[in-house]
Protein backbone atom coordinates (compact mmCIF):
# COMPACT_ATOMS: atom_id res chain seq x y z
CA MET A 1 0.10 0.00 0.16
CA LYS A 2 2.84 2.44 0.93
CA LYS A 3 4.62 1.93 -2.44
CA ASN A 4 1.35 2.57 -4.76
CA LEU A 5 1.02 5.79 -2.67
CA ALA A 6 4.33 6.57 -3.25
CA CYS A 7 4.30 5.16 -7.06
CA ILE A 8 1.24 8.00 -7.24
CA VAL A 9 2.97 11.05 -5.88
CA ILE A 10 5.93 10.74 -7.89
CA PHE A 11 3.80 10.14 -10.80
CA SER A 12 2.08 13.36 -10.60
CA PHE A 13 5.11 15.12 -9.88
CA ILE A 14 7.33 13.72 -12.72
CA PHE A 15 4.83 13.62 -15.40
CA GLY A 16 2.26 16.38 -14.33
CA CYS A 17 1.92 19.04 -17.21
CA ALA A 18 -0.58 21.34 -18.13
CA VAL A 19 -2.56 20.39 -20.78
CA GLY A 20 -3.90 22.59 -23.14
CA PRO A 21 -2.13 25.82 -25.23
CA ASP A 22 0.13 28.34 -23.62
CA TYR A 23 -0.76 31.69 -24.12
CA GLU A 24 0.71 33.40 -27.18
CA ARG A 25 -0.67 37.08 -27.93
CA PRO A 26 -2.38 36.93 -31.54
CA GLN A 27 -0.52 38.91 -34.13
CA ILE A 28 -1.96 42.20 -35.02
CA LYS A 29 0.56 44.06 -37.60
CA THR A 30 0.61 47.68 -36.13
CA PRO A 31 0.81 51.02 -38.61
CA ALA A 32 4.45 52.82 -38.41
CA LYS A 33 2.18 55.78 -37.59
CA TYR A 34 -1.11 56.69 -37.18
CA ARG A 35 -3.22 57.52 -40.47
CA GLY A 36 -3.75 61.43 -41.03
CA VAL A 37 0.05 62.24 -39.31
CA SER A 38 2.77 63.70 -41.04
CA THR A 39 5.21 63.47 -38.34
CA GLN A 40 5.86 60.52 -35.67
CA ASP A 41 7.05 61.36 -32.32
CA ASN A 42 7.73 58.97 -29.09
CA ASN A 43 5.94 61.43 -26.67
CA SER A 44 2.23 61.23 -26.67
CA LEU A 45 -0.41 62.86 -24.76
CA ALA A 46 -1.31 60.09 -22.75
CA ASP A 47 1.85 60.02 -20.74
CA LEU A 48 0.53 63.01 -19.01
CA PRO A 49 -1.74 62.47 -16.41
CA TRP A 50 -5.23 63.90 -16.23
CA TRP A 51 -4.73 66.71 -14.02
CA ASP A 52 -1.63 68.11 -16.14
CA VAL A 53 -3.91 67.98 -19.71
CA PHE A 54 -7.01 69.64 -17.68
CA LYS A 55 -6.29 73.19 -16.48
CA ASP A 56 -9.21 74.72 -14.91
CA PRO A 57 -8.99 74.73 -11.31
CA THR A 58 -12.77 73.92 -10.71
CA LEU A 59 -13.05 70.87 -13.38
CA LYS A 60 -9.97 69.15 -11.62
CA SER A 61 -12.03 69.69 -8.54
CA LEU A 62 -15.05 68.07 -10.09
CA ILE A 63 -13.21 65.31 -11.34
CA ASP A 64 -11.53 64.65 -8.47
CA GLU A 65 -15.04 64.23 -7.05
CA GLY A 66 -16.48 61.88 -9.45
CA LEU A 67 -13.41 59.33 -8.78
CA LYS A 68 -13.99 59.52 -5.25
CA SER A 69 -17.83 59.10 -5.49
CA ASN A 70 -19.31 57.81 -9.23
CA LEU A 71 -21.75 55.10 -8.69
CA ASP A 72 -20.25 52.88 -11.52
CA LEU A 73 -16.57 52.93 -10.31
CA LYS A 74 -17.19 51.52 -7.07
CA ILE A 75 -19.46 48.98 -8.53
CA ALA A 76 -15.85 48.53 -10.64
CA THR A 77 -14.04 48.59 -7.36
CA ALA A 78 -16.04 45.58 -5.79
CA ARG A 79 -15.90 43.69 -8.62
CA ILE A 80 -12.40 43.93 -8.44
CA GLU A 81 -12.67 42.35 -5.11
CA GLN A 82 -14.97 39.78 -6.18
CA MET A 83 -12.98 38.89 -8.99
CA ARG A 84 -9.35 38.71 -6.48
CA GLU A 85 -11.28 36.13 -4.06
CA MET A 86 -12.72 34.07 -6.62
CA ALA A 87 -8.90 33.86 -7.96
CA ARG A 88 -8.22 33.29 -4.51
CA ILE A 89 -10.97 29.96 -4.40
CA LYS A 90 -10.00 28.38 -7.22
CA ARG A 91 -5.75 29.17 -6.02
CA GLY A 92 -7.27 26.84 -2.98
CA ASP A 93 -7.60 23.84 -5.33
CA TYR A 94 -3.77 23.49 -5.22
CA TYR A 95 -4.05 22.25 -1.98
CA PRO A 96 -5.30 19.35 0.96
CA GLN A 97 -8.57 19.96 1.81
CA ILE A 98 -8.83 18.91 5.28
CA ASN A 99 -11.89 18.61 7.11
CA TYR A 100 -13.56 17.10 10.79
CA SER A 101 -16.55 15.65 11.94
CA ALA A 102 -17.86 14.39 15.23
CA VAL A 103 -21.26 12.56 16.34
CA ASP A 104 -22.40 11.26 19.75
CA ASN A 105 -25.23 8.94 19.71
CA TYR A 106 -27.32 7.32 22.50
CA GLY A 107 -30.14 4.67 21.71
CA ARG A 108 -30.39 0.77 21.37
CA ASN A 109 -29.50 -1.15 18.58
CA ILE A 110 -27.41 1.42 16.66
CA LEU A 111 -24.27 -0.24 15.73
CA SER A 112 -23.43 -3.55 16.94
CA TYR A 113 -20.34 -3.68 19.00
CA GLY A 114 -21.29 -6.95 20.79
CA LEU A 115 -23.49 -5.62 23.25
CA PRO A 116 -26.78 -7.49 23.88
CA ASP A 117 -29.87 -7.06 22.37
CA GLY A 118 -31.83 -4.56 24.05
CA LYS A 119 -29.55 -2.63 25.95
CA ASN A 120 -28.95 0.66 25.77
CA SER A 121 -25.79 1.93 24.32
CA ASN A 122 -23.87 5.11 23.45
CA MET A 123 -21.16 5.71 20.85
CA ALA A 124 -19.40 8.75 20.04
CA LEU A 125 -16.87 9.36 17.03
CA GLY A 126 -14.54 12.10 15.89
CA ASN A 127 -12.54 11.86 12.54
CA VAL A 128 -10.26 14.31 11.00
CA GLY A 129 -9.84 13.50 6.73
CA VAL A 130 -7.66 14.94 4.42
CA GLN A 131 -8.61 14.68 0.24
CA TRP A 132 -6.03 15.76 -2.09
CA GLU A 133 -6.20 15.94 -6.13
CA LEU A 134 -3.20 15.57 -7.62
CA ASP A 135 -2.72 17.84 -10.61
CA VAL A 136 -1.08 15.93 -12.83
CA TRP A 137 -2.95 17.14 -15.84
CA GLY A 138 -2.73 21.01 -15.07
CA LYS A 139 -6.73 21.27 -14.75
CA ILE A 140 -6.36 23.03 -11.36
CA ARG A 141 -3.49 25.46 -12.68
CA ARG A 142 -5.41 25.94 -16.30
CA ALA A 143 -8.16 26.69 -14.13
CA SER A 144 -6.07 29.18 -11.62
CA GLU A 145 -4.52 30.63 -14.27
CA SER A 146 -8.09 31.48 -15.95
CA ALA A 147 -9.57 33.16 -12.20
CA ARG A 148 -6.46 34.96 -12.25
CA ALA A 149 -6.77 36.69 -15.99
CA GLN A 150 -10.42 37.09 -14.96
CA TYR A 151 -8.92 39.56 -12.00
CA PHE A 152 -6.71 41.50 -13.86
CA ALA A 153 -9.07 42.11 -16.45
CA SER A 154 -11.54 43.34 -13.68
CA ILE A 155 -8.75 45.91 -12.89
CA GLU A 156 -8.30 47.01 -16.43
CA ALA A 157 -12.10 47.12 -16.59
CA GLN A 158 -11.92 49.93 -13.69
CA LYS A 159 -9.31 51.70 -14.96
CA GLU A 160 -11.13 51.67 -18.71
CA ILE A 161 -14.61 52.97 -16.32
CA THR A 162 -11.76 55.80 -14.70
CA LEU A 163 -10.69 57.11 -18.01
CA LEU A 164 -14.69 56.72 -19.38
CA LEU A 165 -15.40 59.02 -16.07
CA ILE A 166 -12.89 61.87 -16.50
CA THR A 167 -13.84 62.37 -20.37
CA GLU A 168 -17.32 62.51 -19.38
CA ILE A 169 -16.81 64.95 -16.84
CA ALA A 170 -14.68 67.34 -18.95
CA THR A 171 -16.72 66.84 -22.24
CA ALA A 172 -19.98 67.58 -19.90
CA TYR A 173 -18.20 70.28 -18.25
CA PHE A 174 -16.47 72.08 -21.51
CA GLU A 175 -20.60 71.49 -22.84
CA LEU A 176 -21.90 73.82 -20.35
CA ARG A 177 -19.29 76.28 -20.72
CA GLU A 178 -20.33 76.04 -24.49
CA LEU A 179 -23.84 76.37 -23.81
CA ASP A 180 -23.41 79.32 -21.02
CA ASN A 181 -21.63 81.43 -23.83
CA GLU A 182 -24.39 80.45 -26.09
CA LEU A 183 -27.12 81.97 -23.58
CA GLU A 184 -24.57 85.27 -22.98
CA ILE A 185 -24.81 85.58 -27.04
CA ALA A 186 -28.78 84.77 -27.44
CA LYS A 187 -29.03 87.53 -24.14
CA ARG A 188 -26.64 90.36 -25.97
CA THR A 189 -28.76 89.38 -29.82
CA VAL A 190 -32.60 89.92 -27.87
CA ASP A 191 -31.25 93.30 -26.62
CA SER A 192 -29.82 94.18 -30.29
CA PHE A 193 -32.86 92.80 -31.87
CA GLU A 194 -34.92 94.95 -29.77
CA GLY A 195 -33.16 98.10 -29.96
CA THR A 196 -34.11 97.29 -33.92
CA TYR A 197 -37.46 96.45 -33.00
CA ASP A 198 -38.34 99.78 -30.67
CA LEU A 199 -36.54 101.69 -33.59
CA PHE A 200 -38.82 100.19 -36.49
CA THR A 201 -41.30 100.62 -34.91
CA LYS A 202 -40.91 104.53 -33.74
CA ARG A 203 -40.37 104.64 -37.59
CA TYR A 204 -43.50 103.31 -37.95
CA LYS A 205 -45.47 105.24 -35.76
CA GLY A 206 -43.69 108.58 -37.15
CA GLY A 207 -45.11 107.47 -40.63
CA ALA A 208 -41.63 107.18 -41.93
CA SER A 209 -41.60 103.73 -42.34
CA SER A 210 -44.29 100.19 -42.80
CA LEU A 211 -45.78 98.34 -40.96
CA LEU A 212 -43.93 95.14 -42.63
CA GLU A 213 -40.53 96.56 -41.16
CA SER A 214 -41.66 96.43 -37.14
CA SER A 215 -43.46 93.58 -37.95
CA ARG A 216 -40.61 91.25 -39.43
CA ALA A 217 -38.65 93.09 -36.74
CA GLY A 218 -40.40 91.87 -34.06
CA ALA A 219 -40.96 88.07 -35.41
CA ALA A 220 -36.82 87.92 -35.66
CA LEU A 221 -36.74 89.37 -32.10
CA ALA A 222 -39.46 86.43 -30.57
CA GLN A 223 -37.39 83.94 -32.46
CA VAL A 224 -34.21 84.72 -30.43
CA ALA A 225 -35.91 85.15 -27.38
CA SER A 226 -37.24 82.20 -27.77
CA SER A 227 -33.76 80.26 -27.94
CA VAL A 228 -33.24 81.69 -24.36
CA PRO A 229 -35.48 79.79 -22.20
CA SER A 230 -34.70 76.43 -24.67
CA LEU A 231 -30.63 76.85 -23.37
CA GLU A 232 -31.58 77.23 -19.73
CA SER A 233 -32.96 74.10 -19.45
CA ARG A 234 -30.01 72.83 -21.40
CA ILE A 235 -27.88 74.31 -19.07
CA PHE A 236 -30.05 72.80 -15.95
CA GLU A 237 -30.11 69.30 -18.28
CA LYS A 238 -26.03 69.27 -18.22
CA GLU A 239 -25.84 70.38 -14.58
CA ASN A 240 -27.69 67.37 -13.94
CA GLN A 241 -25.53 64.99 -16.28
CA ILE A 242 -22.58 66.38 -14.19
CA SER A 243 -24.26 66.08 -10.97
CA TYR A 244 -25.24 62.02 -11.64
CA LEU A 245 -21.40 61.49 -13.04
CA LEU A 246 -20.33 62.58 -9.39
CA GLY A 247 -22.58 60.56 -7.97
CA ARG A 248 -24.99 62.97 -6.16
CA GLY A 249 -27.89 64.56 -6.69
CA PRO A 250 -28.81 67.38 -9.11
CA LEU A 251 -27.31 70.50 -7.90
CA ALA A 252 -26.12 73.71 -9.36
CA ILE A 253 -21.94 73.01 -10.77
CA PRO A 254 -19.99 75.74 -10.40
CA ARG A 255 -17.65 77.35 -12.77
CA GLY A 256 -14.58 77.92 -13.54
CA GLN A 257 -12.78 79.71 -16.73
CA THR A 258 -14.75 80.25 -19.29
CA LEU A 259 -14.69 78.58 -22.50
CA GLY A 260 -11.99 80.97 -24.16
CA ASP A 261 -9.66 80.57 -21.24
CA GLN A 262 -9.38 77.52 -21.26
CA TYR A 263 -6.18 75.60 -21.53
CA LEU A 264 -5.65 74.46 -24.82
CA MET A 265 -2.24 72.57 -25.68
CA PRO A 266 -0.32 74.06 -28.65
CA GLN A 267 0.90 70.79 -30.10
CA VAL A 268 -0.73 67.32 -28.73
CA PRO A 269 1.57 64.58 -29.86
CA ALA A 270 0.27 61.01 -30.34
CA GLY A 271 2.83 58.98 -29.63
CA LEU A 272 3.83 55.34 -31.01
CA PRO A 273 1.21 53.14 -32.46
CA SER A 274 2.67 49.83 -30.81
CA ALA A 275 2.19 51.67 -27.54
CA LEU A 276 -1.20 51.39 -27.73
CA LEU A 277 -1.75 48.01 -27.23
CA GLU A 278 -0.08 48.23 -23.60
CA ARG A 279 -1.89 51.92 -22.58
CA ARG A 280 -5.53 51.31 -23.76
CA PRO A 281 -7.74 49.96 -20.83
CA ASP A 282 -10.09 48.14 -23.07
CA ILE A 283 -7.40 46.35 -25.06
CA ARG A 284 -5.43 45.52 -22.25
CA LYS A 285 -8.85 43.60 -20.42
CA ALA A 286 -9.62 42.24 -24.04
CA GLU A 287 -5.93 40.67 -24.08
CA GLN A 288 -6.84 39.35 -19.92
CA LEU A 289 -10.04 37.92 -21.44
CA LEU A 290 -8.38 36.25 -24.30
CA VAL A 291 -5.90 34.73 -21.25
CA SER A 292 -9.05 33.12 -19.60
CA ALA A 293 -10.55 31.65 -22.30
CA ASN A 294 -7.09 30.66 -23.64
CA ALA A 295 -6.90 28.45 -19.91
CA ASP A 296 -10.15 27.25 -20.07
CA ILE A 297 -9.19 24.99 -22.77
CA GLY A 298 -7.02 23.35 -21.28
CA VAL A 299 -9.52 22.99 -18.27
CA ALA A 300 -11.75 21.50 -20.72
CA LYS A 301 -9.53 18.98 -22.16
CA ALA A 302 -8.08 17.94 -18.59
CA ASN A 303 -11.63 16.50 -18.47
CA PHE A 304 -10.48 13.67 -21.13
CA PHE A 305 -7.75 12.13 -18.45
CA PRO A 306 -8.27 10.55 -14.81
CA GLN A 307 -8.14 12.20 -11.90
CA PHE A 308 -5.41 11.03 -9.10
CA SER A 309 -6.46 12.05 -5.52
CA LEU A 310 -4.98 11.07 -1.90
CA THR A 311 -6.85 10.73 1.05
CA GLY A 312 -6.50 9.91 4.57
CA ILE A 313 -8.69 9.72 7.85
CA PHE A 314 -7.70 9.91 11.50
CA GLY A 315 -10.57 9.03 13.81
CA SER A 316 -11.35 8.34 17.23
CA SER A 317 -14.86 6.28 19.13
CA SER A 318 -15.87 5.13 22.31
CA SER A 319 -18.96 3.57 23.66
CA ASP A 320 -18.77 4.97 27.15
CA LEU A 321 -17.07 8.39 26.36
CA LYS A 322 -14.10 6.93 28.72
CA THR A 323 -12.07 4.46 26.82
CA PHE A 324 -11.68 5.81 22.77
CA SER A 325 -10.11 3.18 20.26
CA ASN A 326 -7.90 5.35 17.35
CA SER A 327 -8.46 4.19 13.79
CA TRP A 328 -6.86 5.47 10.52
CA ALA A 329 -6.45 4.99 7.03
CA ALA A 330 -4.55 6.32 3.92
CA GLY A 331 -5.34 5.46 0.10
CA GLY A 332 -5.31 7.07 -3.10
CA GLY A 333 -7.68 6.62 -5.72
CA ILE A 334 -8.27 7.19 -9.68
CA THR A 335 -11.26 8.24 -11.67
CA GLY A 336 -11.98 9.02 -15.06
CA PRO A 337 -14.34 8.93 -17.94
CA LEU A 338 -15.31 5.98 -20.34
CA PHE A 339 -18.54 7.27 -21.79
CA SER A 340 -20.35 10.56 -21.32
CA GLY A 341 -22.53 10.63 -24.24
CA GLY A 342 -20.02 13.63 -26.30
CA LYS A 343 -20.20 15.83 -22.98
CA ILE A 344 -16.39 16.37 -22.35
CA SER A 345 -16.02 16.40 -26.48
CA GLY A 346 -18.45 18.99 -27.04
CA ASN A 347 -17.29 20.88 -23.70
CA TYR A 348 -13.80 20.71 -25.03
CA GLN A 349 -14.29 22.45 -28.83
CA ALA A 350 -17.21 24.65 -27.11
CA SER A 351 -14.14 26.29 -24.82
CA LYS A 352 -12.21 26.74 -28.32
CA GLN A 353 -14.70 28.61 -30.07
CA ALA A 354 -15.66 30.25 -27.42
CA TYR A 355 -11.42 31.76 -26.88
CA GLU A 356 -12.27 31.99 -30.75
CA GLN A 357 -15.01 34.10 -30.07
CA VAL A 358 -12.74 36.64 -27.51
CA LYS A 359 -9.88 36.80 -30.03
CA VAL A 360 -11.86 37.93 -32.74
CA GLN A 361 -12.86 40.71 -29.68
CA TYR A 362 -9.83 41.37 -29.18
CA GLU A 363 -8.98 42.06 -32.53
CA LYS A 364 -11.57 44.54 -33.10
CA ALA A 365 -10.85 46.55 -29.95
CA VAL A 366 -7.38 46.94 -31.64
CA ILE A 367 -8.47 47.99 -34.64
CA ASN A 368 -11.15 50.19 -33.34
CA ALA A 369 -8.27 51.77 -31.52
CA PHE A 370 -6.35 52.47 -34.58
CA ARG A 371 -9.73 54.24 -35.81
CA GLU A 372 -10.14 56.18 -32.96
CA VAL A 373 -7.14 57.90 -32.56
CA SER A 374 -6.68 58.49 -36.54
CA ASN A 375 -10.40 60.27 -36.61
CA THR A 376 -10.02 62.07 -33.74
CA LEU A 377 -6.36 63.60 -34.84
CA THR A 378 -7.70 64.33 -38.31
CA TYR A 379 -10.92 66.18 -36.55
CA GLN A 380 -8.37 68.09 -34.16
CA GLN A 381 -5.93 69.03 -37.02
CA LYS A 382 -8.88 70.11 -39.26
CA LEU A 383 -10.31 72.44 -36.21
CA THR A 384 -7.81 74.60 -36.46
CA GLY A 385 -8.61 75.87 -40.01
CA ILE A 386 -12.63 75.97 -39.25
CA ARG A 387 -12.03 77.88 -36.30
CA THR A 388 -10.09 80.72 -38.37
CA GLU A 389 -12.53 80.96 -41.00
CA GLN A 390 -15.53 81.03 -38.80
CA ALA A 391 -13.50 83.93 -36.92
CA LYS A 392 -13.35 85.68 -39.92
CA ALA A 393 -17.01 85.19 -40.87
CA VAL A 394 -18.10 86.61 -37.80
CA ASP A 395 -15.93 89.66 -38.04
CA PHE A 396 -17.47 90.42 -41.23
CA LEU A 397 -21.03 90.02 -39.84
CA ARG A 398 -20.20 92.49 -36.68
CA THR A 399 -18.54 95.13 -39.11
CA ALA A 400 -21.85 94.43 -41.86
CA THR A 401 -24.30 94.59 -38.56
CA LYS A 402 -23.56 97.57 -37.68
CA LEU A 403 -22.62 99.29 -41.86
CA SER A 404 -25.92 98.47 -42.24
CA MET A 405 -27.18 100.06 -39.36
CA ASP A 406 -25.50 103.27 -40.18
CA ARG A 407 -27.04 103.13 -43.54
CA TYR A 408 -30.42 102.60 -42.45
CA LYS A 409 -30.57 105.81 -39.91
CA LYS A 410 -29.35 107.89 -43.41
CA GLY A 411 -31.78 105.95 -45.34
CA LEU A 412 -28.92 104.50 -47.95
CA ALA A 413 -30.16 100.63 -46.97
CA SER A 414 -33.48 99.08 -46.53
CA TYR A 415 -34.57 97.05 -43.05
CA VAL A 416 -34.07 94.01 -44.84
CA ASP A 417 -30.28 94.27 -45.32
CA VAL A 418 -30.16 95.39 -40.98
CA LEU A 419 -32.64 92.33 -40.39
CA ASP A 420 -30.41 89.83 -42.66
CA ALA A 421 -27.17 91.05 -41.25
CA GLN A 422 -28.42 90.49 -37.58
CA GLN A 423 -30.41 86.99 -38.38
CA GLN A 424 -26.60 85.60 -40.06
CA LEU A 425 -24.67 87.09 -37.20
CA PHE A 426 -26.18 84.82 -34.60
CA PRO A 427 -25.86 81.63 -35.81
CA ALA A 428 -22.33 82.21 -36.68
CA GLU A 429 -21.66 83.49 -33.04
CA ASN A 430 -22.74 80.17 -32.16
CA GLU A 431 -21.17 78.29 -34.87
CA LEU A 432 -18.02 79.74 -33.30
CA VAL A 433 -18.36 78.71 -29.66
CA ARG A 434 -19.34 75.50 -30.74
CA THR A 435 -16.11 75.12 -32.77
CA ASP A 436 -14.22 76.38 -29.28
CA ARG A 437 -15.93 73.93 -27.39
CA ASP A 438 -15.35 70.70 -30.19
CA ARG A 439 -11.82 72.05 -30.38
CA LEU A 440 -11.63 71.21 -26.30
CA LEU A 441 -13.55 67.82 -26.51
CA ALA A 442 -11.49 66.62 -28.93
CA VAL A 443 -8.12 66.92 -27.07
CA VAL A 444 -10.48 65.40 -24.31
CA GLN A 445 -11.38 62.25 -27.04
CA LEU A 446 -7.67 61.61 -27.81
CA PHE A 447 -6.83 61.49 -24.44
CA LYS A 448 -9.40 58.90 -24.37
CA ALA A 449 -8.29 56.99 -27.51
CA LEU A 450 -4.84 56.87 -26.59
CA GLY A 451 -5.65 55.57 -23.22
CA GLY A 452 -4.56 58.21 -21.35
CA GLY A 453 -2.95 58.79 -17.98
CA TRP A 454 -1.45 55.33 -17.39
CA ASN A 455 1.98 55.60 -17.74
CA ASN A 456 2.60 58.43 -15.10
CA PRO A 457 4.33 57.14 -11.49
CA GLN A 458 1.27 57.42 -9.04
CA GLN A 459 -0.68 55.06 -11.20
CA LYS A 460 1.96 52.59 -11.65
CA THR A 461 2.21 52.14 -8.13
CA ASN A 462 -1.66 52.14 -7.28
CA ASP A 463 -1.46 49.46 -9.59
CA ASP A 464 1.50 47.37 -8.04
CA LYS A 465 -0.46 47.90 -4.65
CA LYS A 466 -3.54 46.04 -6.04
CA GLU A 467 -1.45 42.93 -7.92
């Protein structure tokens, strides 16, 4: 018996191996540079922490509050702890499982211990049992590898949510400041249109113009005035959106720098495309899920082979709670499948197809990352030219509005010239502030697309503590 047990243990350690494929990262060709970028730079916007990208102190305060209180982030943090414990559970299968049992019975004919029939008896039993499944084929190792990868994936998921939260708060804040500018423009335009309407009305009452001029001016005034409550409602909704991101009930949001005073980086480097695979948390998460799916193939393959286990028991019994007799036993066992109706084979094939699905998801995440960076870089570059032309248009329209009013007062232009210039200036000013907003949002989106904020020392320290 001792020789048999020794053979089982020696066999498990000598021939033990982890069946199934070892993980290898899929080969995905990365471009030498991002499409739309003429030069290549090793530096990247994503190397900067978020507090160096967004300079507005009020925005920094809002992002900091969101990182502490956002509910989705709290859920992600709790999931990390859950997956940590799941990995711990799987790792525990490496070790022997030790349990105990005890029972004390009193009755008649409960056990046959040579006592005369009809005589009451007492029997106490106590045992300590050991069971240890030997990981000959690496099933436990593969299951632990899968669980560990799921744990790392949950960490990357938290980073992904963190990055998304930072960019969502920054985006909503810049959109809020743009709406503030639109409201200011609308109120200023209302004042301008009121002046025109009053002028046309006085001229009509004085018999110098027709009712048509006054009516047209009144209609233009009403149209612009209607935009004020609409903008106020949108501002209210945007403040509520930011409050939600901060994990609190609807409240007013403080304002910091105006849209025009926001820091805009003169040059926004993208860095090397090859670094994107190591930086973006969604890609890193997708790869950890791929590692997990790859390990699951090994778990499924190990089911084809027999399982070896060692068992042991040590116990003591007594019929009078005074005199105890000890007992022990040690042994080994082997179990394996003979016929399963295709269940084991089906599970193995299913795990392989699950891996292929996750592999495609990983490749999809990588390709989508390059698409997002390329689109955002191109848009960010084109916005400079768009803004320049829009600023020219606003300057020309402001001049035209002033000149048309002066000419109208002198009788050199019609009321149509005045209203036409004013009505063109209002949307042009709005488009200009929206472009100022879009230039800031382009930096936010590029920061997100590049997977920004994870290569700074503080984040690296936090990651090391988690692992």
